[in-house]
Amino acid sequence: MWWSEWWVWMSAGIGFAILEMLAPGYVFLGFAIGAGIVGMALLAGGPLAWGFGTSLPMLLVVFSALSFVAWIGLRSVVGVRKGQIKTFDRDINED
């Protein structure tokens, strides 16, 4: 089926990367990384491509797990630092 093709997952990764540029916040970047890794695994012929995980539910589980790990990694690298708090000294409507 089409979901077990490597180029579908790479295209989804590129689509998520474009969405990340349009709506920044490091949310879609985790999805892009997850889709890219699944696409590379299918292209390389790893365990996903041997028939173990080419079913749609298994690919979605692997994609979601990889996306979550990527999001956690991005959050720890570029996310809000410990103790970092946004404070406002004045109201925007005070002028």
N, C-alpha and C. Protein backbone atom coordinates (compact mmCIF):
# COMPACT_ATOMS: atom_id res chain seq x y z
N MET A 1 0.84 -1.19 0.00
CA MET A 1 0.00 0.00 0.00
C MET A 1 0.88 1.25 0.00
N TRP A 2 0.26 2.38 -0.22
CA TRP A 2 1.00 3.62 -0.36
C TRP A 2 1.68 4.06 0.94
N TRP A 3 1.15 3.68 2.09
CA TRP A 3 1.76 4.14 3.34
C TRP A 3 3.06 3.41 3.66
N SER A 4 3.36 2.34 2.96
CA SER A 4 4.63 1.65 3.20
C SER A 4 5.70 2.08 2.21
N GLU A 5 5.45 3.13 1.46
CA GLU A 5 6.44 3.68 0.53
C GLU A 5 7.26 4.75 1.24
N TRP A 6 8.55 4.73 1.02
CA TRP A 6 9.44 5.67 1.70
C TRP A 6 9.17 7.11 1.29
N TRP A 7 8.84 7.34 0.02
CA TRP A 7 8.67 8.71 -0.46
C TRP A 7 7.43 9.37 0.13
N VAL A 8 6.44 8.57 0.53
CA VAL A 8 5.25 9.15 1.16
C VAL A 8 5.62 9.75 2.51
N TRP A 9 6.43 9.03 3.26
CA TRP A 9 6.84 9.52 4.58
C TRP A 9 7.80 10.71 4.46
N MET A 10 8.68 10.68 3.45
CA MET A 10 9.58 11.82 3.24
C MET A 10 8.78 13.05 2.82
N SER A 11 7.78 12.86 1.98
CA SER A 11 6.92 13.97 1.57
C SER A 11 6.15 14.53 2.76
N ALA A 12 5.68 13.66 3.62
CA ALA A 12 5.00 14.12 4.84
C ALA A 12 5.96 14.90 5.72
N GLY A 13 7.20 14.43 5.82
CA GLY A 13 8.20 15.16 6.60
C GLY A 13 8.47 16.54 6.04
N ILE A 14 8.55 16.65 4.72
CA ILE A 14 8.75 17.97 4.09
C ILE A 14 7.53 18.85 4.32
N GLY A 15 6.35 18.26 4.22
CA GLY A 15 5.13 19.02 4.49
C GLY A 15 5.07 19.54 5.91
N PHE A 16 5.44 18.71 6.87
CA PHE A 16 5.47 19.17 8.27
C PHE A 16 6.54 20.24 8.47
N ALA A 17 7.67 20.14 7.78
CA ALA A 17 8.71 21.16 7.89
C ALA A 17 8.23 22.49 7.34
N ILE A 18 7.47 22.45 6.24
CA ILE A 18 6.90 23.68 5.69
C ILE A 18 5.88 24.27 6.66
N LEU A 19 5.06 23.42 7.26
CA LEU A 19 4.11 23.91 8.27
C LEU A 19 4.83 24.54 9.45
N GLU A 20 5.97 23.99 9.81
CA GLU A 20 6.74 24.56 10.92
C GLU A 20 7.23 25.97 10.58
N MET A 21 7.60 26.18 9.33
CA MET A 21 8.03 27.52 8.93
C MET A 21 6.86 28.50 8.92
N LEU A 22 5.66 28.03 8.61
CA LEU A 22 4.50 28.91 8.59
C LEU A 22 3.94 29.17 9.98
N ALA A 23 4.04 28.20 10.86
CA ALA A 23 3.54 28.33 12.23
C ALA A 23 4.63 27.87 13.19
N PRO A 24 5.63 28.73 13.46
CA PRO A 24 6.76 28.29 14.29
C PRO A 24 6.34 28.02 15.73
N GLY A 25 7.07 27.16 16.36
CA GLY A 25 6.81 26.81 17.74
C GLY A 25 7.37 25.45 18.08
N TYR A 26 8.10 24.85 17.16
CA TYR A 26 8.73 23.55 17.33
C TYR A 26 7.73 22.43 17.58
N VAL A 27 6.52 22.59 17.08
CA VAL A 27 5.52 21.54 17.20
C VAL A 27 5.58 20.62 15.99
N PHE A 28 5.50 21.21 14.80
CA PHE A 28 5.51 20.42 13.58
C PHE A 28 6.89 19.88 13.25
N LEU A 29 7.93 20.47 13.82
CA LEU A 29 9.29 19.99 13.54
C LEU A 29 9.50 18.58 14.11
N GLY A 30 8.90 18.29 15.25
CA GLY A 30 8.97 16.94 15.79
C GLY A 30 8.30 15.93 14.88
N PHE A 31 7.15 16.31 14.32
CA PHE A 31 6.47 15.45 13.36
C PHE A 31 7.31 15.27 12.10
N ALA A 32 7.97 16.34 11.65
CA ALA A 32 8.81 16.25 10.45
C ALA A 32 9.98 15.31 10.67
N ILE A 33 10.59 15.38 11.84
CA ILE A 33 11.71 14.49 12.15
C ILE A 33 11.23 13.05 12.22
N GLY A 34 10.10 12.81 12.87
CA GLY A 34 9.55 11.45 12.96
C GLY A 34 9.24 10.86 11.60
N ALA A 35 8.60 11.65 10.73
CA ALA A 35 8.26 11.17 9.39
C ALA A 35 9.53 10.94 8.57
N GLY A 36 10.51 11.80 8.73
CA GLY A 36 11.77 11.63 8.00
C GLY A 36 12.51 10.37 8.42
N ILE A 37 12.52 10.07 9.70
CA ILE A 37 13.19 8.86 10.17
C ILE A 37 12.47 7.61 9.69
N VAL A 38 11.14 7.63 9.72
CA VAL A 38 10.38 6.48 9.20
C VAL A 38 10.65 6.31 7.71
N GLY A 39 10.68 7.41 6.96
CA GLY A 39 10.97 7.35 5.54
C GLY A 39 12.36 6.81 5.26
N MET A 40 13.36 7.25 6.04
CA MET A 40 14.72 6.74 5.85
C MET A 40 14.82 5.27 6.21
N ALA A 41 14.10 4.85 7.24
CA ALA A 41 14.13 3.44 7.62
C ALA A 41 13.50 2.57 6.53
N LEU A 42 12.43 3.05 5.94
CA LEU A 42 11.81 2.29 4.84
C LEU A 42 12.71 2.27 3.61
N LEU A 43 13.40 3.38 3.35
CA LEU A 43 14.31 3.45 2.21
C LEU A 43 15.52 2.55 2.41
N ALA A 44 16.04 2.50 3.63
CA ALA A 44 17.23 1.70 3.92
C ALA A 44 16.93 0.21 3.97
N GLY A 45 15.68 -0.15 4.10
CA GLY A 45 15.33 -1.56 4.14
C GLY A 45 15.53 -2.18 5.50
N GLY A 46 15.33 -1.40 6.55
CA GLY A 46 15.48 -1.92 7.90
C GLY A 46 14.31 -2.79 8.30
N PRO A 47 14.15 -3.04 9.60
CA PRO A 47 13.07 -3.91 10.09
C PRO A 47 11.69 -3.44 9.67
N LEU A 48 11.50 -2.14 9.49
CA LEU A 48 10.20 -1.65 9.04
C LEU A 48 9.89 -2.15 7.63
N ALA A 49 10.90 -2.22 6.79
CA ALA A 49 10.68 -2.60 5.39
C ALA A 49 10.64 -4.11 5.20
N TRP A 50 11.02 -4.90 6.19
CA TRP A 50 11.02 -6.36 6.05
C TRP A 50 9.64 -6.97 6.25
N GLY A 51 8.63 -6.15 6.41
CA GLY A 51 7.29 -6.66 6.62
C GLY A 51 6.86 -6.65 8.08
N PHE A 52 7.81 -6.37 8.99
CA PHE A 52 7.47 -6.34 10.41
C PHE A 52 6.56 -5.15 10.72
N GLY A 53 6.85 -4.04 10.09
CA GLY A 53 6.10 -2.85 10.45
C GLY A 53 5.52 -2.10 9.28
N THR A 54 5.22 -2.76 8.20
CA THR A 54 4.66 -2.04 7.06
C THR A 54 3.15 -1.92 7.12
N SER A 55 2.54 -2.43 8.17
CA SER A 55 1.10 -2.20 8.33
C SER A 55 0.90 -0.77 8.83
N LEU A 56 -0.20 -0.18 8.46
CA LEU A 56 -0.46 1.21 8.83
C LEU A 56 -0.45 1.43 10.34
N PRO A 57 -1.08 0.58 11.16
CA PRO A 57 -1.02 0.82 12.61
C PRO A 57 0.40 0.79 13.17
N MET A 58 1.23 -0.15 12.69
CA MET A 58 2.60 -0.22 13.20
C MET A 58 3.41 1.00 12.76
N LEU A 59 3.24 1.43 11.52
CA LEU A 59 3.96 2.61 11.05
C LEU A 59 3.53 3.86 11.82
N LEU A 60 2.25 3.96 12.14
CA LEU A 60 1.78 5.12 12.91
C LEU A 60 2.30 5.10 14.34
N VAL A 61 2.41 3.91 14.93
CA VAL A 61 2.97 3.81 16.28
C VAL A 61 4.44 4.22 16.28
N VAL A 62 5.19 3.73 15.30
CA VAL A 62 6.61 4.09 15.21
C VAL A 62 6.76 5.58 14.94
N PHE A 63 5.94 6.12 14.03
CA PHE A 63 5.98 7.54 13.71
C PHE A 63 5.66 8.39 14.94
N SER A 64 4.63 8.01 15.68
CA SER A 64 4.26 8.81 16.85
C SER A 64 5.32 8.72 17.95
N ALA A 65 5.90 7.55 18.14
CA ALA A 65 6.95 7.42 19.16
C ALA A 65 8.18 8.25 18.78
N LEU A 66 8.59 8.17 17.52
CA LEU A 66 9.74 8.95 17.07
C LEU A 66 9.46 10.45 17.13
N SER A 67 8.25 10.85 16.78
CA SER A 67 7.88 12.26 16.85
C SER A 67 7.89 12.77 18.28
N PHE A 68 7.42 11.95 19.20
CA PHE A 68 7.41 12.35 20.61
C PHE A 68 8.83 12.49 21.14
N VAL A 69 9.69 11.54 20.82
CA VAL A 69 11.09 11.61 21.26
C VAL A 69 11.77 12.84 20.66
N ALA A 70 11.50 13.12 19.38
CA ALA A 70 12.08 14.30 18.74
C ALA A 70 11.56 15.58 19.38
N TRP A 71 10.27 15.61 19.71
CA TRP A 71 9.71 16.80 20.34
C TRP A 71 10.31 17.03 21.72
N ILE A 72 10.47 15.96 22.49
CA ILE A 72 11.10 16.09 23.82
C ILE A 72 12.53 16.60 23.67
N GLY A 73 13.26 16.05 22.70
CA GLY A 73 14.63 16.52 22.46
C GLY A 73 14.68 17.97 22.05
N LEU A 74 13.80 18.38 21.16
CA LEU A 74 13.75 19.78 20.75
C LEU A 74 13.36 20.68 21.91
N ARG A 75 12.43 20.22 22.71
CA ARG A 75 11.98 21.02 23.86
C ARG A 75 13.12 21.25 24.85
N SER A 76 13.96 20.21 25.04
CA SER A 76 15.07 20.37 25.98
C SER A 76 16.18 21.24 25.41
N VAL A 77 16.31 21.28 24.10
CA VAL A 77 17.38 22.06 23.48
C VAL A 77 16.96 23.51 23.24
N VAL A 78 15.79 23.72 22.67
CA VAL A 78 15.38 25.07 22.29
C VAL A 78 14.14 25.57 23.03
N GLY A 79 13.66 24.84 23.98
CA GLY A 79 12.44 25.22 24.68
C GLY A 79 12.69 26.23 25.78
N VAL A 80 11.70 26.43 26.60
CA VAL A 80 11.80 27.36 27.71
C VAL A 80 12.79 26.83 28.73
N ARG A 81 13.71 27.65 29.11
CA ARG A 81 14.72 27.26 30.10
C ARG A 81 14.14 27.29 31.51
N LYS A 82 14.76 26.54 32.40
CA LYS A 82 14.30 26.48 33.78
C LYS A 82 14.46 27.85 34.43
N GLY A 83 13.40 28.34 35.00
CA GLY A 83 13.42 29.64 35.66
C GLY A 83 13.15 30.80 34.72
N GLN A 84 13.00 30.56 33.44
CA GLN A 84 12.73 31.62 32.48
C GLN A 84 11.25 31.95 32.52
N ILE A 85 10.96 33.19 32.86
CA ILE A 85 9.58 33.64 32.97
C ILE A 85 9.44 34.94 32.19
N LYS A 86 8.39 35.04 31.43
CA LYS A 86 8.11 36.25 30.67
C LYS A 86 7.35 37.21 31.58
N THR A 87 7.90 38.40 31.79
CA THR A 87 7.22 39.41 32.61
C THR A 87 6.99 40.65 31.77
N PHE A 88 5.94 41.36 32.10
CA PHE A 88 5.59 42.59 31.40
C PHE A 88 5.66 43.74 32.38
N ASP A 89 6.37 44.81 31.99
CA ASP A 89 6.49 45.98 32.87
C ASP A 89 5.35 46.98 32.65
N ARG A 90 4.82 46.99 31.43
CA ARG A 90 3.73 47.92 31.17
C ARG A 90 2.74 47.27 30.21
N ASP A 91 1.57 47.83 30.18
CA ASP A 91 0.51 47.33 29.32
C ASP A 91 0.64 47.95 27.94
N ILE A 92 0.31 47.22 26.91
CA ILE A 92 0.41 47.72 25.54
C ILE A 92 -0.59 48.86 25.29
N ASN A 93 -1.63 48.92 26.07
CA ASN A 93 -2.67 49.94 25.88
C ASN A 93 -2.45 51.20 26.71
N GLU A 94 -1.31 51.35 27.35
CA GLU A 94 -1.06 52.50 28.21
C GLU A 94 -0.63 53.75 27.46
N ASP A 95 -0.33 53.64 26.19
CA ASP A 95 0.18 54.82 25.45
C ASP A 95 -0.84 55.84 25.24
